[in-house]
C-alpha atoms as a PDB file:
ATOM      1  CA  MET A   1    -221.794 112.140  83.413  1.00  0.00           C
ATOM      2  CA  THR A   2    -219.891 112.301  80.163  1.00  0.00           C
ATOM      3  CA  ALA A   3    -221.258 110.174  77.329  1.00  0.00           C
ATOM      4  CA  GLN A   4    -219.090 107.081  76.476  1.00  0.00           C
ATOM      5  CA  ALA A   5    -218.353 105.589  73.009  1.00  0.00           C
ATOM      6  CA  THR A   6    -217.094 102.110  72.274  1.00  0.00           C
ATOM      7  CA  LEU A   7    -214.032 101.403  70.049  1.00  0.00           C
ATOM      8  CA  GLN A   8    -213.537  97.864  68.766  1.00  0.00           C
ATOM      9  CA  ALA A   9    -210.277  96.761  67.069  1.00  0.00           C
ATOM     10  CA  ARG A  10    -209.234  93.522  65.496  1.00  0.00           C
ATOM     11  CA  LEU A  11    -205.718  92.457  66.564  1.00  0.00           C
ATOM     12  CA  ASP A  12    -203.565  89.407  65.975  1.00  0.00           C
ATOM     13  CA  PRO A  13    -203.066  87.337  69.021  1.00  0.00           C
ATOM     14  CA  GLU A  14    -199.513  88.447  69.509  1.00  0.00           C
ATOM     15  CA  SER A  15    -200.390  92.206  69.338  1.00  0.00           C
ATOM     16  CA  LYS A  16    -203.274  91.612  71.836  1.00  0.00           C
ATOM     17  CA  SER A  17    -201.015  89.797  74.198  1.00  0.00           C
ATOM     18  CA  VAL A  18    -198.359  92.577  74.179  1.00  0.00           C
ATOM     19  CA  ILE A  19    -201.032  95.190  74.844  1.00  0.00           C
ATOM     20  CA  GLU A  20    -202.476  93.175  77.734  1.00  0.00           C
ATOM     21  CA  GLU A  21    -198.967  92.702  79.232  1.00  0.00           C
ATOM     22  CA  ALA A  22    -198.207  96.500  78.995  1.00  0.00           C
ATOM     23  CA  ALA A  23    -201.531  97.166  80.763  1.00  0.00           C
ATOM     24  CA  ARG A  24    -200.665  94.640  83.505  1.00  0.00           C
ATOM     25  CA  LEU A  25    -197.232  96.294  83.859  1.00  0.00           C
ATOM     26  CA  ARG A  26    -199.000  99.620  84.530  1.00  0.00           C
ATOM     27  CA  HIS A  27    -201.542  97.926  86.830  1.00  0.00           C
ATOM     28  CA  VAL A  28    -204.447  99.206  84.743  1.00  0.00           C
ATOM     29  CA  GLY A  29    -207.201  97.530  82.855  1.00  0.00           C
ATOM     30  CA  LEU A  30    -206.989  97.101  79.017  1.00  0.00           C
ATOM     31  CA  SER A  31    -209.468  99.953  78.366  1.00  0.00           C
ATOM     32  CA  ASP A  32    -207.611 102.310  80.784  1.00  0.00           C
ATOM     33  CA  TYR A  33    -204.325 101.424  79.187  1.00  0.00           C
ATOM     34  CA  ILE A  34    -205.642 102.226  75.670  1.00  0.00           C
ATOM     35  CA  ARG A  35    -207.034 105.613  76.957  1.00  0.00           C
ATOM     36  CA  LEU A  36    -203.763 106.422  78.609  1.00  0.00           C
ATOM     37  CA  VAL A  37    -201.499 105.495  75.712  1.00  0.00           C
ATOM     38  CA  LEU A  38    -203.588 105.790  72.512  1.00  0.00           C
ATOM     39  CA  VAL A  39    -205.442 109.097  73.152  1.00  0.00           C
ATOM     40  CA  PRO A  40    -202.307 111.158  73.983  1.00  0.00           C
ATOM     41  CA  THR A  41    -200.444 109.624  71.096  1.00  0.00           C
ATOM     42  CA  ALA A  42    -203.341 110.360  68.637  1.00  0.00           C
ATOM     43  CA  ARG A  43    -203.555 113.951  69.926  1.00  0.00           C
ATOM     44  CA  LYS A  44    -199.783 114.373  69.371  1.00  0.00           C
ATOM     45  CA  GLU A  45    -200.038 113.109  65.871  1.00  0.00           C
ATOM     46  CA  VAL A  46    -203.024 115.295  65.047  1.00  0.00           C
ATOM     47  CA  LEU A  47    -201.182 118.370  66.387  1.00  0.00           C
ATOM     48  CA  GLY A  48    -198.023 117.437  64.490  1.00  0.00           C
ATOM     49  CA  ALA A  49    -199.969 116.929  61.295  1.00  0.00           C
ATOM     50  CA  LYS A  50    -201.709 120.410  61.650  1.00  0.00           C
ATOM     51  CA  GLN A  51    -198.342 122.096  62.370  1.00  0.00           C
ATOM     52  CA  GLN A  52    -196.819 120.108  59.499  1.00  0.00           C
ATOM     53  CA  VAL A  53    -193.973 118.757  61.745  1.00  0.00           C
ATOM     54  CA  LEU A  54    -191.714 116.011  60.531  1.00  0.00           C
ATOM     55  CA  HIS A  55    -190.179 113.546  63.028  1.00  0.00           C
ATOM     56  CA  LEU A  56    -186.916 111.930  61.671  1.00  0.00           C
ATOM     57  CA  THR A  57    -184.647 109.499  63.264  1.00  0.00           C
ATOM     58  CA  SER A  58    -181.030 110.483  63.902  1.00  0.00           C
ATOM     59  CA  SER A  59    -180.022 108.580  60.759  1.00  0.00           C
ATOM     60  CA  GLU A  60    -182.737 110.311  58.722  1.00  0.00           C
ATOM     61  CA  GLN A  61    -181.777 113.733  60.111  1.00  0.00           C
ATOM     62  CA  GLU A  62    -178.104 113.095  59.129  1.00  0.00           C
ATOM     63  CA  THR A  63    -179.151 112.000  55.599  1.00  0.00           C
ATOM     64  CA  PHE A  64    -181.443 115.042  55.263  1.00  0.00           C
ATOM     65  CA  TRP A  65    -178.669 117.456  56.459  1.00  0.00           C
ATOM     66  CA  ASP A  66    -176.093 115.850  54.039  1.00  0.00           C
ATOM     67  CA  ALA A  67    -178.568 116.401  51.126  1.00  0.00           C
ATOM     68  CA  LEU A  68    -179.050 120.020  52.108  1.00  0.00           C
ATOM     69  CA  CYS A  69    -175.343 120.633  52.336  1.00  0.00           C
ATOM     70  CA  SER A  70    -174.350 118.941  49.136  1.00  0.00           C
ATOM     71  CA  HIS A  71    -174.317 120.638  45.759  1.00  0.00           C
ATOM     72  CA  ALA A  72    -176.191 118.643  43.244  1.00  0.00           C
ATOM     73  CA  LYS A  73    -174.812 118.553  39.828  1.00  0.00           C
ATOM     74  CA  PRO A  74    -177.249 119.175  37.014  1.00  0.00           C
ATOM     75  CA  THR A  75    -178.223 116.110  34.924  1.00  0.00           C
ATOM     76  CA  LYS A  76    -177.755 116.060  31.217  1.00  0.00           C
ATOM     77  CA  ALA A  77    -181.541 116.846  30.754  1.00  0.00           C
ATOM     78  CA  GLN A  78    -181.293 119.795  33.118  1.00  0.00           C
ATOM     79  CA  LYS A  79    -178.291 121.161  31.215  1.00  0.00           C
ATOM     80  CA  LYS A  80    -180.163 120.835  27.976  1.00  0.00           C
ATOM     81  CA  LEU A  81    -183.247 122.572  29.438  1.00  0.00           C
ATOM     82  CA  GLY A  82    -181.004 125.369  30.803  1.00  0.00           C
ATOM     83  CA  ALA A  83    -179.509 125.859  27.325  1.00  0.00           C
ATOM     84  CA  LEU A  84    -182.882 125.935  25.768  1.00  0.00           C
ATOM     85  CA  MET A  85    -184.038 128.536  28.258  1.00  0.00           C
ATOM     86  CA  LYS A  86    -180.961 130.614  27.435  1.00  0.00           C
ATOM     87  CA  GLY A  87    -181.761 130.483  23.774  1.00  0.00           C
ATOM     88  CA  LYS A  88    -178.745 128.319  22.856  1.00  0.00           C
END
């Protein structure tokens, strides 16, 4: 038999109620629900962090793409630094 470990978490009543309802909808107990949902989610997050993967919403993707495609104009300070570096 595999050794078991206990996990305790403090939740506000509304969060606990939602988790219990989700477990009921899957026809599983609370502990089984947590194992079914939390463990795979945690594994996915760990793998993503190790692979340095970013997850962006559609809106965030669009904003990021627009930033990549736009040509930023140098600020006054950047222009001054560029002139200094060129010896002007």
